[in-house]
Amino acid sequence: MKIRNGFKMRQICGENILTPEGIGQVNFNKLISMNATAAFLWNALQDKDFTVQDMKELLLSEYEVDEPTAARDAQTLADQWTEAGLLE
């Protein structure tokens, strides 16, 4: 997997908001708010090919979380990003 080009993480009113870049990309119905953990993964995975396993390993290295929870959360987030069209 790889994060699709054309999106930028911005801090708006204290929230992590993923916005499309370029006027042709703008669709205000598609703005995505990310919690701190999702934003951490987004920033760590920019411009890299990665797997759900890589996401899980990042969660384990950054947070005090058990492996089954990290695996479940990584898969859930990858599924959400795929459904939102954020991954190639």
C-alpha atoms as a PDB file:
ATOM      1  CA  MET A   1       0.000   0.000   0.000  1.00  0.00           C
ATOM      2  CA  LYS A   2       0.981   3.610  -0.366  1.00  0.00           C
ATOM      3  CA  ILE A   3      -0.678   6.861   0.648  1.00  0.00           C
ATOM      4  CA  ARG A   4      -2.206   8.525  -2.410  1.00  0.00           C
ATOM      5  CA  ASN A   5      -0.643  11.846  -3.429  1.00  0.00           C
ATOM      6  CA  GLY A   6      -2.754  14.971  -3.275  1.00  0.00           C
ATOM      7  CA  PHE A   7      -3.584  15.159   0.427  1.00  0.00           C
ATOM      8  CA  LYS A   8      -2.029  17.244   3.173  1.00  0.00           C
ATOM      9  CA  MET A   9      -2.380  17.023   6.945  1.00  0.00           C
ATOM     10  CA  ARG A  10      -3.214  20.389   8.495  1.00  0.00           C
ATOM     11  CA  GLN A  11      -3.907  21.587  12.020  1.00  0.00           C
ATOM     12  CA  ILE A  12      -7.233  23.421  11.970  1.00  0.00           C
ATOM     13  CA  CYS A  13      -8.622  24.638  15.298  1.00  0.00           C
ATOM     14  CA  GLY A  14      -6.527  22.052  17.107  1.00  0.00           C
ATOM     15  CA  GLU A  15      -7.760  19.182  14.930  1.00  0.00           C
ATOM     16  CA  ASN A  16      -5.736  17.037  12.502  1.00  0.00           C
ATOM     17  CA  ILE A  17      -7.565  17.530   9.207  1.00  0.00           C
ATOM     18  CA  LEU A  18      -6.613  15.808   5.978  1.00  0.00           C
ATOM     19  CA  THR A  19      -7.332  18.125   3.062  1.00  0.00           C
ATOM     20  CA  PRO A  20      -7.022  17.609  -0.679  1.00  0.00           C
ATOM     21  CA  GLU A  21      -4.420  19.754  -2.430  1.00  0.00           C
ATOM     22  CA  GLY A  22      -5.169  21.667  -5.601  1.00  0.00           C
ATOM     23  CA  ILE A  23      -8.414  23.277  -6.660  1.00  0.00           C
ATOM     24  CA  GLY A  24      -9.385  20.223  -8.733  1.00  0.00           C
ATOM     25  CA  GLN A  25      -9.201  18.037  -5.626  1.00  0.00           C
ATOM     26  CA  VAL A  26     -11.310  20.209  -3.340  1.00  0.00           C
ATOM     27  CA  ASN A  27     -14.474  18.530  -2.112  1.00  0.00           C
ATOM     28  CA  PHE A  28     -15.450  19.802   1.313  1.00  0.00           C
ATOM     29  CA  ASN A  29     -17.600  16.701   1.845  1.00  0.00           C
ATOM     30  CA  LYS A  30     -14.378  14.676   1.836  1.00  0.00           C
ATOM     31  CA  LEU A  31     -12.391  16.431   4.588  1.00  0.00           C
ATOM     32  CA  ILE A  32     -11.142  13.830   7.035  1.00  0.00           C
ATOM     33  CA  SER A  33     -10.458  14.416  10.712  1.00  0.00           C
ATOM     34  CA  MET A  34      -7.785  12.189  12.252  1.00  0.00           C
ATOM     35  CA  ASN A  35      -7.082  11.523  15.887  1.00  0.00           C
ATOM     36  CA  ALA A  36      -3.496  11.797  17.152  1.00  0.00           C
ATOM     37  CA  THR A  37      -2.739   8.118  16.509  1.00  0.00           C
ATOM     38  CA  ALA A  38      -4.003   8.173  12.913  1.00  0.00           C
ATOM     39  CA  ALA A  39      -2.094  11.408  12.298  1.00  0.00           C
ATOM     40  CA  PHE A  40       1.077   9.802  13.699  1.00  0.00           C
ATOM     41  CA  LEU A  41       0.725   6.877  11.292  1.00  0.00           C
ATOM     42  CA  TRP A  42      -0.128   9.160   8.364  1.00  0.00           C
ATOM     43  CA  ASN A  43       3.011  11.222   8.927  1.00  0.00           C
ATOM     44  CA  ALA A  44       5.209   8.160   9.490  1.00  0.00           C
ATOM     45  CA  LEU A  45       4.010   6.448   6.302  1.00  0.00           C
ATOM     46  CA  GLN A  46       4.146   9.365   3.860  1.00  0.00           C
ATOM     47  CA  ASP A  47       5.978   8.470   0.617  1.00  0.00           C
ATOM     48  CA  LYS A  48       6.564   4.861   1.703  1.00  0.00           C
ATOM     49  CA  ASP A  49       5.249   1.511   0.595  1.00  0.00           C
ATOM     50  CA  PHE A  50       3.843  -0.208   3.679  1.00  0.00           C
ATOM     51  CA  THR A  51       1.714  -3.045   4.945  1.00  0.00           C
ATOM     52  CA  VAL A  52      -0.754  -3.402   7.792  1.00  0.00           C
ATOM     53  CA  GLN A  53       2.072  -5.206   9.605  1.00  0.00           C
ATOM     54  CA  ASP A  54       4.226  -2.054   9.262  1.00  0.00           C
ATOM     55  CA  MET A  55       1.379   0.005  10.719  1.00  0.00           C
ATOM     56  CA  LYS A  56       1.086  -2.420  13.628  1.00  0.00           C
ATOM     57  CA  GLU A  57       4.839  -2.251  14.313  1.00  0.00           C
ATOM     58  CA  LEU A  58       4.709   1.556  14.374  1.00  0.00           C
ATOM     59  CA  LEU A  59       1.854   1.448  16.875  1.00  0.00           C
ATOM     60  CA  LEU A  60       3.769  -0.991  19.084  1.00  0.00           C
ATOM     61  CA  SER A  61       6.895   1.159  18.985  1.00  0.00           C
ATOM     62  CA  GLU A  62       5.106   4.432  19.771  1.00  0.00           C
ATOM     63  CA  TYR A  63       2.313   3.458  22.168  1.00  0.00           C
ATOM     64  CA  GLU A  64       1.840   1.187  25.159  1.00  0.00           C
ATOM     65  CA  VAL A  65      -0.554  -1.206  23.469  1.00  0.00           C
ATOM     66  CA  ASP A  66      -0.703  -4.994  23.249  1.00  0.00           C
ATOM     67  CA  GLU A  67      -0.080  -6.736  19.942  1.00  0.00           C
ATOM     68  CA  PRO A  68      -3.668  -7.929  19.269  1.00  0.00           C
ATOM     69  CA  THR A  69      -5.013  -4.408  19.825  1.00  0.00           C
ATOM     70  CA  ALA A  70      -2.326  -2.868  17.615  1.00  0.00           C
ATOM     71  CA  ALA A  71      -3.051  -5.427  14.868  1.00  0.00           C
ATOM     72  CA  ARG A  72      -6.809  -4.795  15.044  1.00  0.00           C
ATOM     73  CA  ASP A  73      -6.396  -1.012  15.069  1.00  0.00           C
ATOM     74  CA  ALA A  74      -3.922  -1.072  12.166  1.00  0.00           C
ATOM     75  CA  GLN A  75      -6.281  -3.204  10.062  1.00  0.00           C
ATOM     76  CA  THR A  76      -9.283  -1.024  10.906  1.00  0.00           C
ATOM     77  CA  LEU A  77      -7.426   2.147   9.957  1.00  0.00           C
ATOM     78  CA  ALA A  78      -6.084   0.621   6.724  1.00  0.00           C
ATOM     79  CA  ASP A  79      -9.645  -0.418   5.820  1.00  0.00           C
ATOM     80  CA  GLN A  80     -10.965   3.080   6.561  1.00  0.00           C
ATOM     81  CA  TRP A  81      -8.220   4.744   4.517  1.00  0.00           C
ATOM     82  CA  THR A  82      -8.867   2.348   1.625  1.00  0.00           C
ATOM     83  CA  GLU A  83     -12.620   3.011   1.726  1.00  0.00           C
ATOM     84  CA  ALA A  84     -11.972   6.780   1.760  1.00  0.00           C
ATOM     85  CA  GLY A  85      -9.721   6.474  -1.310  1.00  0.00           C
ATOM     86  CA  LEU A  86      -6.567   7.568   0.520  1.00  0.00           C
ATOM     87  CA  LEU A  87      -4.433   4.557  -0.460  1.00  0.00           C
ATOM     88  CA  GLU A  88      -3.050   3.301  -3.752  1.00  0.00           C
END
